Amino acid sequence: MQATFPGDVELLMNPEFPEHTVLTDNLDNRHHLVVASEKLMMFFKRLKDPELEFLPVAIRDHKGKIAAHYFLIHSLGTVDCLHREASGAVYVPGSSTVLGVERFVVKEHALNTTRPLVRITNFPEGILVRSELRTELGQGGFTGISFRELNTPTE
């Protein structure tokens, strides 16, 4: 995607929330993209994962001014590791896309990757970060990042 990504992509602050002007290191968004500050992007870039792309975007504020320059952290490929039944997956009607889960249950045998950050197949919200990186992210003082605990099936 990096080779064809336009150089003038802008993300707009939500006009429904004009009081939301603080920019965190990871910007919450309805599309489940990793929109990262330069500080967070550099954290991931130092890991030298060839499967991560860092795509530049501008953040435009409610008044139409460029508020900051950020990066989309794009993980190439996905990992089919969500245990859909044990997670209580809810699907987009007529689709294999997972809309949400009651619990976050993964199939451990499917997580045979050393990649620091991966997306879960057919689950846009599902982004996994290795546990040691979670600790480093917490120690790095990054803002706008939250984690959910993983569960593993008992079978």
N, C-alpha and C. Protein backbone atom coordinates (compact mmCIF):
# COMPACT_ATOMS: atom_id res chain seq x y z
N MET A 1 0.82 -1.18 0.00
CA MET A 1 0.00 0.00 0.00
C MET A 1 0.87 1.26 0.00
N GLN A 2 2.02 1.19 0.62
CA GLN A 2 2.88 2.36 0.74
C GLN A 2 3.25 2.95 -0.61
N ALA A 3 3.48 2.11 -1.60
CA ALA A 3 3.89 2.60 -2.91
C ALA A 3 2.79 3.40 -3.60
N THR A 4 1.54 3.10 -3.31
CA THR A 4 0.43 3.79 -3.97
C THR A 4 -0.32 4.75 -3.06
N PHE A 5 0.12 4.90 -1.82
CA PHE A 5 -0.58 5.75 -0.86
C PHE A 5 -0.36 7.22 -1.24
N PRO A 6 -1.45 8.00 -1.37
CA PRO A 6 -1.29 9.41 -1.74
C PRO A 6 -0.57 10.20 -0.64
N GLY A 7 0.13 11.22 -1.04
CA GLY A 7 0.89 12.02 -0.09
C GLY A 7 0.11 13.12 0.58
N ASP A 8 -1.17 13.26 0.26
CA ASP A 8 -1.94 14.39 0.79
C ASP A 8 -3.19 13.94 1.56
N VAL A 9 -3.12 12.82 2.25
CA VAL A 9 -4.27 12.31 2.99
C VAL A 9 -4.46 13.14 4.25
N GLU A 10 -5.72 13.52 4.48
CA GLU A 10 -6.07 14.28 5.66
C GLU A 10 -7.20 13.57 6.41
N LEU A 11 -7.10 13.55 7.72
CA LEU A 11 -8.15 13.03 8.57
C LEU A 11 -8.75 14.22 9.32
N LEU A 12 -10.06 14.26 9.37
CA LEU A 12 -10.75 15.40 9.98
C LEU A 12 -11.21 15.06 11.39
N MET A 13 -11.09 16.04 12.28
CA MET A 13 -11.65 15.87 13.61
C MET A 13 -13.17 15.82 13.47
N ASN A 14 -13.81 15.07 14.33
CA ASN A 14 -15.25 14.86 14.25
C ASN A 14 -16.00 16.14 14.60
N PRO A 15 -16.78 16.69 13.66
CA PRO A 15 -17.51 17.93 13.93
C PRO A 15 -18.60 17.77 14.99
N GLU A 16 -19.00 16.53 15.28
CA GLU A 16 -20.00 16.30 16.31
C GLU A 16 -19.43 16.49 17.72
N PHE A 17 -18.11 16.55 17.82
CA PHE A 17 -17.46 16.72 19.11
C PHE A 17 -16.44 17.87 19.04
N PRO A 18 -16.91 19.10 18.90
CA PRO A 18 -15.97 20.22 18.73
C PRO A 18 -15.07 20.47 19.93
N GLU A 19 -15.46 19.93 21.10
CA GLU A 19 -14.63 20.12 22.30
C GLU A 19 -13.48 19.11 22.37
N HIS A 20 -13.51 18.10 21.51
CA HIS A 20 -12.44 17.09 21.48
C HIS A 20 -11.30 17.59 20.60
N THR A 21 -10.34 18.24 21.22
CA THR A 21 -9.23 18.83 20.46
C THR A 21 -7.87 18.30 20.87
N VAL A 22 -7.81 17.55 21.96
CA VAL A 22 -6.53 17.03 22.44
C VAL A 22 -6.11 15.85 21.57
N LEU A 23 -4.89 15.91 21.08
CA LEU A 23 -4.36 14.82 20.25
C LEU A 23 -3.51 13.89 21.11
N THR A 24 -3.90 12.63 21.14
CA THR A 24 -3.15 11.63 21.88
C THR A 24 -2.16 10.95 20.94
N ASP A 25 -1.36 10.05 21.48
CA ASP A 25 -0.40 9.34 20.63
C ASP A 25 -1.08 8.36 19.69
N ASN A 26 -2.23 7.85 20.08
CA ASN A 26 -3.02 6.95 19.24
C ASN A 26 -4.43 7.52 19.18
N LEU A 27 -4.86 7.95 17.99
CA LEU A 27 -6.15 8.61 17.87
C LEU A 27 -7.29 7.61 17.68
N ASP A 28 -8.27 7.70 18.56
CA ASP A 28 -9.46 6.85 18.45
C ASP A 28 -10.22 7.23 17.19
N ASN A 29 -10.73 6.24 16.48
CA ASN A 29 -11.48 6.51 15.25
C ASN A 29 -12.40 5.36 14.95
N ARG A 30 -13.46 5.65 14.23
CA ARG A 30 -14.50 4.64 13.97
C ARG A 30 -14.07 3.57 12.98
N HIS A 31 -12.96 3.77 12.30
CA HIS A 31 -12.51 2.80 11.30
C HIS A 31 -11.46 1.83 11.82
N HIS A 32 -11.13 1.95 13.11
CA HIS A 32 -10.19 1.05 13.76
C HIS A 32 -8.80 1.09 13.11
N LEU A 33 -8.42 2.26 12.66
CA LEU A 33 -7.08 2.46 12.12
C LEU A 33 -6.13 2.80 13.26
N VAL A 34 -4.88 2.45 13.12
CA VAL A 34 -3.88 2.89 14.08
C VAL A 34 -3.35 4.22 13.55
N VAL A 35 -3.81 5.31 14.15
CA VAL A 35 -3.40 6.66 13.75
C VAL A 35 -2.44 7.14 14.83
N ALA A 36 -1.16 7.15 14.51
CA ALA A 36 -0.11 7.30 15.51
C ALA A 36 0.64 8.62 15.39
N SER A 37 0.98 9.16 16.55
CA SER A 37 1.87 10.32 16.61
C SER A 37 3.25 9.90 16.12
N GLU A 38 4.10 10.87 15.87
CA GLU A 38 5.46 10.53 15.45
C GLU A 38 6.17 9.72 16.52
N LYS A 39 5.93 10.06 17.78
CA LYS A 39 6.56 9.33 18.89
C LYS A 39 6.16 7.85 18.86
N LEU A 40 4.87 7.57 18.67
CA LEU A 40 4.41 6.18 18.63
C LEU A 40 4.89 5.49 17.36
N MET A 41 4.88 6.20 16.24
CA MET A 41 5.37 5.62 14.99
C MET A 41 6.84 5.22 15.14
N MET A 42 7.65 6.08 15.75
CA MET A 42 9.07 5.77 15.93
C MET A 42 9.26 4.55 16.84
N PHE A 43 8.39 4.39 17.84
CA PHE A 43 8.44 3.22 18.71
C PHE A 43 8.32 1.94 17.88
N PHE A 44 7.33 1.91 16.97
CA PHE A 44 7.13 0.72 16.14
C PHE A 44 8.17 0.61 15.03
N LYS A 45 8.60 1.71 14.51
CA LYS A 45 9.58 1.69 13.41
C LYS A 45 10.91 1.09 13.87
N ARG A 46 11.28 1.35 15.10
CA ARG A 46 12.56 0.83 15.61
C ARG A 46 12.58 -0.70 15.69
N LEU A 47 11.39 -1.32 15.64
CA LEU A 47 11.28 -2.78 15.69
C LEU A 47 11.66 -3.44 14.37
N LYS A 48 11.72 -2.63 13.31
CA LYS A 48 12.15 -3.09 11.99
C LYS A 48 11.33 -4.28 11.48
N ASP A 49 10.01 -4.20 11.66
CA ASP A 49 9.13 -5.25 11.14
C ASP A 49 8.81 -4.92 9.69
N PRO A 50 9.25 -5.74 8.73
CA PRO A 50 9.00 -5.44 7.31
C PRO A 50 7.52 -5.52 6.94
N GLU A 51 6.69 -6.05 7.84
CA GLU A 51 5.25 -6.17 7.58
C GLU A 51 4.46 -4.97 8.11
N LEU A 52 5.16 -3.96 8.62
CA LEU A 52 4.49 -2.73 9.06
C LEU A 52 4.84 -1.59 8.11
N GLU A 53 3.82 -0.83 7.73
CA GLU A 53 4.01 0.35 6.90
C GLU A 53 3.60 1.58 7.72
N PHE A 54 4.27 2.68 7.44
CA PHE A 54 4.01 3.94 8.15
C PHE A 54 3.61 4.97 7.10
N LEU A 55 2.31 5.27 7.05
CA LEU A 55 1.76 6.10 5.99
C LEU A 55 1.42 7.48 6.55
N PRO A 56 2.00 8.54 6.00
CA PRO A 56 1.79 9.88 6.56
C PRO A 56 0.39 10.42 6.28
N VAL A 57 -0.19 11.05 7.31
CA VAL A 57 -1.49 11.71 7.20
C VAL A 57 -1.43 13.02 7.98
N ALA A 58 -2.25 13.97 7.57
CA ALA A 58 -2.39 15.22 8.31
C ALA A 58 -3.70 15.16 9.09
N ILE A 59 -3.71 15.76 10.26
CA ILE A 59 -4.92 15.86 11.07
C ILE A 59 -5.41 17.30 10.96
N ARG A 60 -6.63 17.45 10.47
CA ARG A 60 -7.23 18.78 10.30
C ARG A 60 -8.22 19.02 11.45
N ASP A 61 -8.08 20.16 12.11
CA ASP A 61 -8.93 20.46 13.26
C ASP A 61 -10.31 20.96 12.83
N HIS A 62 -11.13 21.29 13.81
CA HIS A 62 -12.50 21.72 13.56
C HIS A 62 -12.60 23.04 12.80
N LYS A 63 -11.54 23.83 12.84
CA LYS A 63 -11.52 25.13 12.14
C LYS A 63 -10.93 25.00 10.74
N GLY A 64 -10.53 23.80 10.37
CA GLY A 64 -9.99 23.57 9.03
C GLY A 64 -8.49 23.72 8.93
N LYS A 65 -7.81 23.93 10.06
CA LYS A 65 -6.35 24.07 10.05
C LYS A 65 -5.68 22.72 10.31
N ILE A 66 -4.49 22.56 9.74
CA ILE A 66 -3.70 21.35 10.02
C ILE A 66 -3.22 21.44 11.47
N ALA A 67 -3.67 20.48 12.28
CA ALA A 67 -3.32 20.48 13.70
C ALA A 67 -2.04 19.71 13.97
N ALA A 68 -1.79 18.67 13.16
CA ALA A 68 -0.60 17.83 13.38
C ALA A 68 -0.41 16.90 12.21
N HIS A 69 0.77 16.31 12.17
CA HIS A 69 1.08 15.28 11.18
C HIS A 69 1.25 13.97 11.92
N TYR A 70 0.53 12.96 11.48
CA TYR A 70 0.51 11.65 12.11
C TYR A 70 0.83 10.59 11.07
N PHE A 71 0.72 9.32 11.48
CA PHE A 71 1.01 8.20 10.60
C PHE A 71 -0.02 7.11 10.82
N LEU A 72 -0.49 6.52 9.73
CA LEU A 72 -1.26 5.29 9.83
C LEU A 72 -0.24 4.16 9.94
N ILE A 73 -0.38 3.33 10.95
CA ILE A 73 0.47 2.15 11.06
C ILE A 73 -0.34 1.01 10.46
N HIS A 74 0.10 0.57 9.30
CA HIS A 74 -0.63 -0.44 8.53
C HIS A 74 0.11 -1.76 8.61
N SER A 75 -0.57 -2.76 9.16
CA SER A 75 -0.01 -4.10 9.27
C SER A 75 -0.42 -4.89 8.03
N LEU A 76 0.57 -5.35 7.27
CA LEU A 76 0.30 -6.12 6.07
C LEU A 76 -0.19 -7.51 6.45
N GLY A 77 -1.26 -7.94 5.84
CA GLY A 77 -1.80 -9.26 6.13
C GLY A 77 -2.52 -9.31 7.47
N THR A 78 -3.19 -10.43 7.70
CA THR A 78 -3.91 -10.65 8.95
C THR A 78 -3.60 -12.06 9.45
N VAL A 79 -3.99 -12.31 10.70
CA VAL A 79 -3.81 -13.64 11.29
C VAL A 79 -5.19 -14.15 11.69
N ASP A 80 -5.52 -15.35 11.24
CA ASP A 80 -6.82 -15.95 11.55
C ASP A 80 -6.71 -16.66 12.89
N CYS A 81 -6.88 -15.91 13.97
CA CYS A 81 -6.64 -16.47 15.30
C CYS A 81 -7.81 -16.26 16.26
N LEU A 82 -8.87 -15.60 15.84
CA LEU A 82 -10.00 -15.37 16.72
C LEU A 82 -10.83 -16.65 16.85
N HIS A 83 -11.04 -17.08 18.07
CA HIS A 83 -11.92 -18.22 18.32
C HIS A 83 -13.34 -17.65 18.36
N ARG A 84 -13.98 -17.68 17.19
CA ARG A 84 -15.26 -16.99 17.03
C ARG A 84 -16.35 -17.50 17.97
N GLU A 85 -16.47 -18.80 18.11
CA GLU A 85 -17.52 -19.36 18.97
C GLU A 85 -17.28 -19.00 20.43
N ALA A 86 -16.07 -19.23 20.92
CA ALA A 86 -15.77 -18.93 22.32
C ALA A 86 -15.80 -17.43 22.62
N SER A 87 -15.58 -16.62 21.60
CA SER A 87 -15.61 -15.17 21.78
C SER A 87 -17.02 -14.61 21.80
N GLY A 88 -17.98 -15.40 21.34
CA GLY A 88 -19.34 -14.88 21.22
C GLY A 88 -19.40 -13.83 20.13
N ALA A 89 -18.77 -14.12 19.00
CA ALA A 89 -18.66 -13.16 17.91
C ALA A 89 -20.03 -12.78 17.36
N VAL A 90 -20.18 -11.49 17.07
CA VAL A 90 -21.38 -10.95 16.42
C VAL A 90 -20.93 -10.50 15.04
N TYR A 91 -21.67 -10.93 14.02
CA TYR A 91 -21.27 -10.68 12.64
C TYR A 91 -22.07 -9.57 11.99
N VAL A 92 -21.45 -8.91 11.02
CA VAL A 92 -22.18 -8.01 10.13
C VAL A 92 -23.15 -8.90 9.36
N PRO A 93 -24.44 -8.55 9.33
CA PRO A 93 -25.42 -9.41 8.65
C PRO A 93 -24.99 -9.78 7.22
N GLY A 94 -25.07 -11.07 6.91
CA GLY A 94 -24.73 -11.56 5.58
C GLY A 94 -23.26 -11.52 5.25
N SER A 95 -22.41 -11.51 6.28
CA SER A 95 -20.98 -11.35 6.06
C SER A 95 -20.19 -12.21 7.03
N SER A 96 -18.92 -12.42 6.73
CA SER A 96 -18.03 -13.12 7.67
C SER A 96 -17.26 -12.13 8.53
N THR A 97 -17.54 -10.84 8.36
CA THR A 97 -16.87 -9.80 9.14
C THR A 97 -17.44 -9.75 10.56
N VAL A 98 -16.55 -9.79 11.53
CA VAL A 98 -16.94 -9.75 12.93
C VAL A 98 -17.13 -8.30 13.34
N LEU A 99 -18.31 -8.00 13.87
CA LEU A 99 -18.65 -6.66 14.32
C LEU A 99 -18.16 -6.42 15.74
N GLY A 100 -18.22 -7.44 16.57
CA GLY A 100 -17.80 -7.33 17.96
C GLY A 100 -17.74 -8.69 18.61
N VAL A 101 -17.20 -8.73 19.83
CA VAL A 101 -17.10 -9.97 20.59
C VAL A 101 -17.52 -9.71 22.04
N GLU A 102 -18.05 -10.75 22.68
CA GLU A 102 -18.37 -10.65 24.10
C GLU A 102 -17.10 -10.76 24.94
N ARG A 103 -16.22 -11.66 24.52
CA ARG A 103 -14.93 -11.89 25.15
C ARG A 103 -13.90 -11.97 24.04
N PHE A 104 -12.68 -11.68 24.36
CA PHE A 104 -11.61 -11.72 23.35
C PHE A 104 -10.86 -13.04 23.54
N VAL A 105 -11.26 -14.08 22.77
CA VAL A 105 -10.65 -15.41 22.90
C VAL A 105 -9.91 -15.72 21.61
N VAL A 106 -8.64 -16.08 21.75
CA VAL A 106 -7.84 -16.41 20.58
C VAL A 106 -7.42 -17.87 20.61
N LYS A 107 -7.12 -18.38 19.42
CA LYS A 107 -6.60 -19.74 19.27
C LYS A 107 -5.07 -19.61 19.35
N GLU A 108 -4.52 -20.03 20.46
CA GLU A 108 -3.08 -19.85 20.66
C GLU A 108 -2.24 -20.49 19.57
N HIS A 109 -2.66 -21.67 19.10
CA HIS A 109 -1.87 -22.37 18.08
C HIS A 109 -1.78 -21.55 16.79
N ALA A 110 -2.70 -20.64 16.58
CA ALA A 110 -2.69 -19.81 15.37
C ALA A 110 -1.78 -18.58 15.53
N LEU A 111 -1.35 -18.33 16.74
CA LEU A 111 -0.49 -17.16 16.99
C LEU A 111 0.98 -17.55 16.98
N ASN A 112 1.42 -18.15 15.92
CA ASN A 112 2.82 -18.57 15.80
C ASN A 112 3.63 -17.50 15.07
N THR A 113 3.40 -16.26 15.43
CA THR A 113 4.09 -15.16 14.78
C THR A 113 4.93 -14.40 15.80
N THR A 114 6.02 -13.85 15.35
CA THR A 114 6.84 -13.01 16.21
C THR A 114 6.61 -11.54 15.91
N ARG A 115 5.66 -11.27 15.03
CA ARG A 115 5.37 -9.89 14.65
C ARG A 115 4.90 -9.09 15.86
N PRO A 116 5.32 -7.85 15.98
CA PRO A 116 4.95 -7.05 17.15
C PRO A 116 3.49 -6.60 17.15
N LEU A 117 2.91 -6.43 15.96
CA LEU A 117 1.54 -5.94 15.84
C LEU A 117 0.89 -6.63 14.66
N VAL A 118 -0.26 -7.24 14.89
CA VAL A 118 -0.98 -7.91 13.80
C VAL A 118 -2.47 -7.61 13.91
N ARG A 119 -3.13 -7.69 12.77
CA ARG A 119 -4.59 -7.56 12.71
C ARG A 119 -5.19 -8.96 12.61
N ILE A 120 -6.40 -9.08 13.18
CA ILE A 120 -7.10 -10.35 13.16
C ILE A 120 -7.97 -10.41 11.90
N THR A 121 -7.93 -11.54 11.21
CA THR A 121 -8.70 -11.75 9.98
C THR A 121 -10.19 -11.52 10.22
N ASN A 122 -10.81 -10.74 9.36
CA ASN A 122 -12.25 -10.45 9.37
C ASN A 122 -12.74 -9.79 10.66
N PHE A 123 -11.86 -9.13 11.39
CA PHE A 123 -12.25 -8.43 12.62
C PHE A 123 -11.51 -7.11 12.68
N PRO A 124 -12.07 -6.07 12.05
CA PRO A 124 -11.36 -4.79 11.95
C PRO A 124 -10.90 -4.21 13.29
N GLU A 125 -11.68 -4.48 14.34
CA GLU A 125 -11.31 -3.96 15.66
C GLU A 125 -10.16 -4.73 16.29
N GLY A 126 -9.90 -5.93 15.78
CA GLY A 126 -8.93 -6.82 16.40
C GLY A 126 -7.50 -6.54 16.00
N ILE A 127 -6.77 -5.91 16.89
CA ILE A 127 -5.35 -5.63 16.70
C ILE A 127 -4.63 -6.22 17.91
N LEU A 128 -3.67 -7.08 17.64
CA LEU A 128 -2.92 -7.71 18.72
C LEU A 128 -1.52 -7.13 18.81
N VAL A 129 -1.07 -6.91 20.05
CA VAL A 129 0.29 -6.43 20.33
C VAL A 129 0.92 -7.44 21.27
N ARG A 130 2.14 -7.82 21.00
CA ARG A 130 2.84 -8.78 21.86
C ARG A 130 2.93 -8.25 23.29
N SER A 131 2.88 -9.15 24.26
CA SER A 131 2.82 -8.75 25.67
C SER A 131 4.02 -7.92 26.10
N GLU A 132 5.21 -8.26 25.60
CA GLU A 132 6.38 -7.47 25.99
C GLU A 132 6.31 -6.04 25.44
N LEU A 133 5.67 -5.89 24.28
CA LEU A 133 5.49 -4.54 23.73
C LEU A 133 4.44 -3.78 24.50
N ARG A 134 3.44 -4.48 24.98
CA ARG A 134 2.43 -3.83 25.82
C ARG A 134 3.09 -3.20 27.04
N THR A 135 4.00 -3.93 27.65
CA THR A 135 4.73 -3.40 28.80
C THR A 135 5.55 -2.18 28.41
N GLU A 136 6.26 -2.28 27.30
CA GLU A 136 7.08 -1.15 26.83
C GLU A 136 6.21 0.06 26.49
N LEU A 137 5.06 -0.17 25.88
CA LEU A 137 4.16 0.94 25.55
C LEU A 137 3.69 1.63 26.83
N GLY A 138 3.39 0.84 27.84
CA GLY A 138 2.97 1.41 29.13
C GLY A 138 4.08 2.22 29.77
N GLN A 139 5.30 1.72 29.70
CA GLN A 139 6.44 2.43 30.28
C GLN A 139 6.83 3.65 29.46
N GLY A 140 6.46 3.66 28.17
CA GLY A 140 6.80 4.78 27.29
C GLY A 140 5.92 6.00 27.47
N GLY A 141 4.87 5.87 28.28
CA GLY A 141 4.01 7.01 28.54
C GLY A 141 3.13 7.42 27.36
N PHE A 142 2.83 6.49 26.48
CA PHE A 142 1.99 6.80 25.32
C PHE A 142 0.55 6.99 25.77
N THR A 143 -0.14 7.90 25.11
CA THR A 143 -1.52 8.20 25.45
C THR A 143 -2.47 7.69 24.36
N GLY A 144 -3.72 7.46 24.75
CA GLY A 144 -4.73 7.03 23.79
C GLY A 144 -4.67 5.55 23.45
N ILE A 145 -3.98 4.77 24.27
CA ILE A 145 -3.86 3.33 24.02
C ILE A 145 -4.51 2.59 25.18
N SER A 146 -5.35 1.63 24.84
CA SER A 146 -5.93 0.77 25.86
C SER A 146 -5.85 -0.67 25.38
N PHE A 147 -5.88 -1.58 26.32
CA PHE A 147 -5.73 -2.99 26.00
C PHE A 147 -6.86 -3.78 26.63
N ARG A 148 -7.22 -4.88 25.98
CA ARG A 148 -8.15 -5.86 26.53
C ARG A 148 -7.37 -7.14 26.76
N GLU A 149 -7.70 -7.82 27.82
CA GLU A 149 -7.05 -9.08 28.11
C GLU A 149 -7.54 -10.15 27.14
N LEU A 150 -6.63 -10.99 26.71
CA LEU A 150 -6.97 -12.14 25.87
C LEU A 150 -7.34 -13.32 26.74
N ASN A 151 -8.22 -14.13 26.22
CA ASN A 151 -8.57 -15.40 26.86
C ASN A 151 -8.21 -16.51 25.90
N THR A 152 -7.98 -17.69 26.43
CA THR A 152 -7.73 -18.84 25.57
C THR A 152 -8.79 -19.88 25.87
N PRO A 153 -9.27 -20.59 24.88
CA PRO A 153 -10.32 -21.59 25.11
C PRO A 153 -9.82 -22.71 26.01
N THR A 154 -10.72 -23.26 26.79
CA THR A 154 -10.33 -24.32 27.72
C THR A 154 -10.33 -25.69 27.10
N GLU A 155 -10.82 -25.81 25.87
CA GLU A 155 -10.89 -27.11 25.19
C GLU A 155 -9.55 -27.60 24.74
